[in-house]
Amino acid sequence: MKKIISSLALCSSLIVLPTISQAALGDKLLKEGMTDPDVKELQDVLRQKGIFSATSTGYFGSITKDSVLSFQRSHSLIADGIVGSNTYQALIGNSTSTVTNGTLLKYGMTSNEVEKVQQLLKGKGYFNATPTGYFGTVTQTAVMNFQRDHGLAVDGIVGPATLNALNNASNGSTGSSTVNSSTQATASDIVAYSKKFIGVPYVWGGTSPSGFDCSGFIYYVFKNGGGVTVPRTVATLYQSGKSTSTPNVGDIVFFDTTGGPSHAGIYIGNGQFIHAGSSTGVTIASLSNSYWAPRYLGSKSIL
């Protein structure tokens, strides 16, 4: 990770014209032959793990590729020497679990079975988001509300008893109002919390107040400001949630800066969003900004 150099002067204006490089690690591929600040950060991370001993230069040469290959082999990843989302998740230690047959469905998992449970919960009025297959806080809350209403142990885990009840329970429960009420409170909490980090520097792979990348900022703010766990990268965020014709406060807004969804921020109202830009750190920008407007892909609600 980048060492934070003291006293970087940040522009006081709320709307800042960013530079072209805005993607976070995991949202653009890093591979041999590239020269990029993200490559230097990658080299620093690999050094921390004891598998890169050269100087971090930002150039992805054969030594860097060999280190990536070594890391991939030791973590049962496809050994191609390219740093994409799977290698990135393993590097930062936030990869999600995969459900196997007979495994309880619980917080943190991603699978087709989770998506089916979300569809069942949605049909019964307990889950108002788009089924994604990711078992986050919203899904856990929906499961707990369902369990509470049906006299089951309220643990937020889908085991045989809960699954059986889901398959047999009638529709029309009162669970949806509980989820909606929670969602509205969460949106305002998240926006208020996000503004506390204005001025925090950009750090490749960063997920803490010492430094954020764009999706790391969203991940941290939703988790700590609203108790909601969201996917870690822009690509997986974009696959989640429900598209909205115009952004609502608390929605995620997406941009294409490198080909496909590669940058994101949190919509805060009045045509503005807060994000971690690679050249600005955490700042507030306008959707009508001359850089962001032509790159805007749309918004999604993931609460």
Protein backbone atom coordinates (compact mmCIF):
# COMPACT_ATOMS: atom_id res chain seq x y z
CA MET A 1 0.00 0.00 0.00
CA LYS A 2 1.09 3.57 -0.54
CA LYS A 3 2.79 5.30 2.36
CA ILE A 4 0.81 8.39 3.18
CA ILE A 5 3.02 11.43 2.60
CA SER A 6 2.25 14.16 5.11
CA SER A 7 0.28 17.30 4.37
CA LEU A 8 -0.86 16.85 0.77
CA ALA A 9 -2.71 20.02 -0.17
CA LEU A 10 -6.24 19.08 -1.30
CA CYS A 11 -8.36 21.46 -3.33
CA SER A 12 -11.10 23.00 -1.21
CA SER A 13 -13.60 23.10 -4.06
CA LEU A 14 -16.31 20.46 -3.93
CA ILE A 15 -16.21 19.85 -7.67
CA VAL A 16 -12.79 18.81 -8.89
CA LEU A 17 -11.77 17.87 -12.41
CA PRO A 18 -10.14 14.43 -12.02
CA THR A 19 -7.44 12.83 -14.09
CA ILE A 20 -8.17 9.96 -16.45
CA SER A 21 -6.97 7.15 -14.18
CA GLN A 22 -9.91 6.33 -11.90
CA ALA A 23 -10.28 2.54 -11.81
CA ALA A 24 -9.65 0.52 -8.67
CA LEU A 25 -7.65 -2.66 -8.47
CA GLY A 26 -9.87 -5.57 -9.39
CA ASP A 27 -11.75 -3.44 -11.92
CA LYS A 28 -8.98 -3.29 -14.50
CA LEU A 29 -6.51 -6.03 -15.34
CA LEU A 30 -2.87 -5.60 -14.39
CA LYS A 31 -0.53 -7.61 -16.59
CA GLU A 32 2.97 -7.88 -18.00
CA GLY A 33 4.16 -4.86 -19.95
CA MET A 34 2.04 -2.28 -18.12
CA THR A 35 3.37 0.78 -16.33
CA ASP A 36 0.82 2.11 -13.87
CA PRO A 37 0.67 3.45 -10.29
CA ASP A 38 -1.55 0.46 -9.47
CA VAL A 39 1.30 -1.86 -10.49
CA LYS A 40 3.54 -0.18 -7.92
CA GLU A 41 0.87 -0.74 -5.27
CA LEU A 42 0.60 -4.37 -6.37
CA GLN A 43 4.34 -4.77 -5.95
CA ASP A 44 4.15 -3.27 -2.46
CA VAL A 45 1.40 -5.72 -1.49
CA LEU A 46 3.35 -8.67 -2.89
CA ARG A 47 6.42 -7.53 -0.95
CA GLN A 48 4.38 -7.45 2.27
CA LYS A 49 3.48 -11.06 1.59
CA GLY A 50 7.15 -11.96 1.12
CA ILE A 51 6.99 -12.92 -2.56
CA PHE A 52 8.44 -9.81 -4.23
CA SER A 53 11.92 -8.61 -3.28
CA ALA A 54 12.72 -6.10 -6.01
CA THR A 55 12.14 -2.34 -5.96
CA SER A 56 8.55 -1.23 -6.58
CA THR A 57 8.75 0.69 -9.85
CA GLY A 58 5.23 0.56 -11.27
CA TYR A 59 6.43 -1.50 -14.24
CA PHE A 60 4.92 -4.96 -14.60
CA GLY A 61 7.89 -6.97 -15.79
CA SER A 62 8.90 -10.62 -15.58
CA ILE A 63 9.83 -10.43 -11.88
CA THR A 64 6.39 -9.07 -11.00
CA LYS A 65 4.72 -11.69 -13.18
CA ASP A 66 6.69 -14.49 -11.49
CA SER A 67 5.62 -13.15 -8.09
CA VAL A 68 1.97 -13.04 -9.17
CA LEU A 69 2.21 -16.57 -10.55
CA SER A 70 3.71 -17.77 -7.27
CA PHE A 71 0.90 -16.15 -5.31
CA GLN A 72 -1.79 -17.56 -7.60
CA ARG A 73 -0.41 -21.11 -7.38
CA SER A 74 -0.21 -20.95 -3.58
CA HIS A 75 -3.85 -19.80 -3.40
CA SER A 76 -5.28 -22.31 -5.92
CA LEU A 77 -6.04 -19.59 -8.46
CA ILE A 78 -5.66 -19.78 -12.24
CA ALA A 79 -1.92 -19.17 -12.70
CA ASP A 80 -1.86 -16.74 -15.61
CA GLY A 81 0.26 -13.97 -14.10
CA ILE A 82 -2.58 -11.46 -14.58
CA VAL A 83 -4.12 -9.60 -11.65
CA GLY A 84 -7.88 -9.55 -12.12
CA SER A 85 -10.72 -9.55 -9.61
CA ASN A 86 -10.12 -13.08 -8.25
CA THR A 87 -6.42 -12.51 -7.61
CA TYR A 88 -7.22 -9.11 -6.16
CA GLN A 89 -9.76 -10.57 -3.72
CA ALA A 90 -7.20 -13.11 -2.57
CA LEU A 91 -4.54 -10.40 -2.17
CA ILE A 92 -6.70 -8.27 0.11
CA GLY A 93 -8.23 -11.22 1.94
CA ASN A 94 -11.87 -10.40 1.22
CA SER A 95 -12.88 -13.20 -1.12
CA THR A 96 -16.34 -14.57 -0.54
CA SER A 97 -17.18 -18.15 0.25
CA THR A 98 -18.68 -20.56 -2.25
CA VAL A 99 -21.59 -22.77 -1.21
CA THR A 100 -21.37 -26.49 -1.79
CA ASN A 101 -24.23 -28.96 -1.71
CA GLY A 102 -25.44 -29.55 1.83
CA THR A 103 -23.81 -26.40 3.22
CA LEU A 104 -25.86 -24.00 5.34
CA LEU A 105 -26.51 -20.70 3.60
CA LYS A 106 -25.22 -17.82 5.68
CA TYR A 107 -23.69 -14.37 5.71
CA GLY A 108 -20.78 -13.86 3.31
CA MET A 109 -21.64 -16.65 0.87
CA THR A 110 -22.21 -16.34 -2.88
CA SER A 111 -24.07 -19.07 -4.79
CA ASN A 112 -27.05 -19.92 -6.97
CA GLU A 113 -28.73 -21.35 -3.86
CA VAL A 114 -28.50 -17.96 -2.15
CA GLU A 115 -30.13 -16.33 -5.18
CA LYS A 116 -33.00 -18.84 -5.01
CA VAL A 117 -33.50 -18.03 -1.32
CA GLN A 118 -33.54 -14.32 -2.16
CA GLN A 119 -36.20 -14.98 -4.81
CA LEU A 120 -38.31 -16.89 -2.27
CA LEU A 121 -37.93 -14.09 0.28
CA LYS A 122 -38.78 -11.50 -2.37
CA GLY A 123 -41.93 -13.36 -3.34
CA LYS A 124 -43.02 -13.38 0.30
CA GLY A 125 -42.36 -9.68 0.81
CA TYR A 126 -39.21 -9.90 2.93
CA PHE A 127 -36.56 -8.96 0.36
CA ASN A 128 -36.97 -5.86 -1.82
CA ALA A 129 -33.63 -5.83 -3.65
CA THR A 130 -32.60 -7.61 -6.83
CA PRO A 131 -31.54 -11.24 -6.14
CA THR A 132 -27.79 -11.39 -6.76
CA GLY A 133 -26.67 -14.62 -5.08
CA TYR A 134 -24.63 -12.69 -2.52
CA PHE A 135 -25.63 -13.24 1.13
CA GLY A 136 -25.05 -9.82 2.66
CA THR A 137 -26.60 -7.86 5.52
CA VAL A 138 -29.84 -7.15 3.64
CA THR A 139 -30.37 -10.86 2.96
CA GLN A 140 -29.48 -11.75 6.55
CA THR A 141 -32.00 -9.21 7.87
CA ALA A 142 -34.69 -10.59 5.55
CA VAL A 143 -33.99 -14.14 6.72
CA MET A 144 -34.16 -13.10 10.38
CA ASN A 145 -37.46 -11.27 9.84
CA PHE A 146 -38.87 -14.35 8.12
CA GLN A 147 -37.64 -16.63 10.90
CA ARG A 148 -39.12 -14.35 13.56
CA ASP A 149 -42.52 -14.29 11.86
CA HIS A 150 -42.60 -18.08 11.46
CA GLY A 151 -41.51 -19.12 14.95
CA LEU A 152 -38.06 -20.30 13.91
CA ALA A 153 -34.72 -19.80 15.63
CA VAL A 154 -33.67 -16.28 14.64
CA ASP A 155 -30.03 -16.78 13.60
CA GLY A 156 -30.04 -15.39 10.04
CA ILE A 157 -28.86 -18.77 8.70
CA VAL A 158 -30.84 -20.75 6.13
CA GLY A 159 -30.80 -24.35 7.30
CA PRO A 160 -33.29 -27.17 6.64
CA ALA A 161 -36.03 -25.75 8.91
CA THR A 162 -35.89 -22.26 7.43
CA LEU A 163 -35.68 -23.57 3.87
CA ASN A 164 -38.64 -25.85 4.46
CA ALA A 165 -40.65 -22.93 5.83
CA LEU A 166 -39.68 -20.77 2.84
CA ASN A 167 -40.86 -23.44 0.43
CA ASN A 168 -44.18 -23.88 2.21
CA ALA A 169 -45.08 -20.50 3.71
CA SER A 170 -47.84 -18.48 2.09
CA ASN A 171 -47.24 -15.06 0.60
CA GLY A 172 -48.47 -11.79 2.02
CA SER A 173 -46.49 -11.59 5.28
CA THR A 174 -45.73 -8.27 6.95
CA GLY A 175 -41.98 -8.60 6.56
CA SER A 176 -41.57 -6.16 3.67
CA SER A 177 -42.45 -3.09 5.73
CA THR A 178 -39.68 -3.92 8.17
CA VAL A 179 -37.09 -4.14 5.39
CA ASN A 180 -38.27 -0.93 3.72
CA SER A 181 -38.14 1.04 6.97
CA SER A 182 -34.62 -0.17 7.65
CA THR A 183 -33.52 0.70 4.11
CA GLN A 184 -34.70 4.31 4.33
CA ALA A 185 -32.80 4.87 7.58
CA THR A 186 -29.70 3.22 6.16
CA ALA A 187 -29.50 5.51 3.12
CA SER A 188 -29.39 8.71 5.16
CA ASP A 189 -26.97 7.19 7.66
CA ILE A 190 -24.61 6.10 4.90
CA VAL A 191 -24.51 9.51 3.23
CA ALA A 192 -23.91 11.33 6.51
CA TYR A 193 -21.18 8.87 7.45
CA SER A 194 -19.48 9.08 4.05
CA LYS A 195 -18.86 12.81 4.39
CA LYS A 196 -16.68 12.25 7.44
CA PHE A 197 -13.93 10.96 5.15
CA ILE A 198 -13.63 13.88 2.75
CA GLY A 199 -9.92 14.46 2.19
CA VAL A 200 -8.81 10.88 2.96
CA PRO A 201 -6.19 10.00 0.29
CA TYR A 202 -6.60 7.43 -2.45
CA VAL A 203 -4.78 4.16 -1.76
CA TRP A 204 -4.87 1.27 -4.20
CA GLY A 205 -6.75 -1.60 -2.55
CA GLY A 206 -7.47 0.62 0.46
CA THR A 207 -10.48 -0.12 2.66
CA SER A 208 -9.80 2.01 5.74
CA PRO A 209 -9.70 5.69 6.77
CA SER A 210 -5.96 5.68 6.20
CA GLY A 211 -6.68 5.37 2.48
CA PHE A 212 -9.42 4.14 0.10
CA ASP A 213 -9.78 3.11 -3.49
CA CYS A 214 -13.20 3.83 -5.01
CA SER A 215 -14.88 0.52 -4.23
CA GLY A 216 -13.00 0.19 -0.93
CA PHE A 217 -14.56 3.51 0.14
CA ILE A 218 -18.06 2.29 -0.74
CA TYR A 219 -17.44 -1.05 0.99
CA TYR A 220 -16.22 0.64 4.19
CA VAL A 221 -18.95 3.30 4.32
CA PHE A 222 -21.83 0.89 3.76
CA LYS A 223 -20.49 -1.60 6.27
CA ASN A 224 -19.58 0.82 9.04
CA GLY A 225 -22.07 3.59 8.39
CA GLY A 226 -25.12 1.47 7.67
CA GLY A 227 -24.35 -2.10 8.74
CA VAL A 228 -24.64 -3.28 5.13
CA THR A 229 -22.03 -5.50 3.50
CA VAL A 230 -21.73 -4.92 -0.24
CA PRO A 231 -19.52 -6.56 -2.90
CA ARG A 232 -15.92 -5.32 -2.85
CA THR A 233 -15.22 -4.35 -6.47
CA VAL A 234 -16.96 -2.04 -8.93
CA ALA A 235 -17.56 -4.95 -11.31
CA THR A 236 -19.39 -7.00 -8.67
CA LEU A 237 -21.20 -3.94 -7.33
CA TYR A 238 -22.49 -3.26 -10.83
CA GLN A 239 -23.88 -6.80 -11.03
CA SER A 240 -25.78 -6.25 -7.77
CA GLY A 241 -28.83 -4.24 -6.92
CA LYS A 242 -31.70 -2.75 -8.88
CA SER A 243 -31.19 -0.18 -11.62
CA THR A 244 -32.83 3.18 -10.97
CA SER A 245 -33.85 5.58 -13.75
CA THR A 246 -32.56 8.51 -11.73
CA PRO A 247 -30.32 8.12 -8.68
CA ASN A 248 -31.78 8.33 -5.20
CA VAL A 249 -29.81 9.30 -2.11
CA GLY A 250 -27.70 6.31 -1.09
CA ASP A 251 -27.66 4.73 -4.56
CA ILE A 252 -24.38 3.75 -6.20
CA VAL A 253 -23.52 5.69 -9.37
CA PHE A 254 -21.28 4.02 -11.95
CA PHE A 255 -18.87 5.31 -14.59
CA ASP A 256 -16.94 3.86 -17.51
CA THR A 257 -13.36 5.12 -17.33
CA THR A 258 -11.46 2.14 -18.76
CA GLY A 259 -14.09 0.11 -20.63
CA GLY A 260 -17.17 -1.09 -18.76
CA PRO A 261 -18.05 -0.17 -15.16
CA SER A 262 -14.74 0.84 -13.59
CA HIS A 263 -15.46 3.63 -11.11
CA ALA A 264 -18.26 4.26 -8.63
CA GLY A 265 -19.44 6.63 -5.95
CA ILE A 266 -22.36 7.20 -3.57
CA TYR A 267 -25.10 9.57 -4.68
CA ILE A 268 -25.74 12.24 -2.02
CA GLY A 269 -28.45 14.28 -3.72
CA ASN A 270 -28.59 17.53 -5.72
CA GLY A 271 -26.79 15.96 -8.65
CA GLN A 272 -23.69 15.20 -6.58
CA PHE A 273 -21.86 12.06 -5.51
CA ILE A 274 -19.05 11.31 -3.08
CA HIS A 275 -16.23 9.05 -4.19
CA ALA A 276 -12.55 8.19 -3.78
CA GLY A 277 -10.80 9.48 -6.87
CA SER A 278 -7.26 8.41 -7.66
CA SER A 279 -6.14 12.04 -8.05
CA THR A 280 -8.37 13.64 -5.41
CA GLY A 281 -8.90 11.17 -2.59
CA VAL A 282 -12.37 11.24 -1.08
CA THR A 283 -14.23 14.21 -2.50
CA ILE A 284 -17.62 15.36 -3.75
CA ALA A 285 -18.20 15.75 -7.48
CA SER A 286 -21.08 16.59 -9.78
CA LEU A 287 -22.73 14.23 -12.23
CA SER A 288 -22.77 17.14 -14.68
CA ASN A 289 -19.00 17.59 -14.43
CA SER A 290 -17.40 17.64 -17.90
CA TYR A 291 -15.34 14.55 -17.08
CA TRP A 292 -18.01 12.46 -15.35
CA ALA A 293 -21.10 13.29 -17.41
CA PRO A 294 -20.03 11.52 -20.64
CA ARG A 295 -18.76 8.51 -18.65
CA TYR A 296 -21.88 8.03 -16.53
CA LEU A 297 -23.38 4.52 -16.83
CA GLY A 298 -26.31 4.79 -14.43
CA SER A 299 -27.29 4.14 -10.82
CA LYS A 300 -28.31 1.14 -8.77
CA SER A 301 -29.93 0.67 -5.40
CA ILE A 302 -28.27 -2.10 -3.42
CA LEU A 303 -30.01 -1.62 -0.08
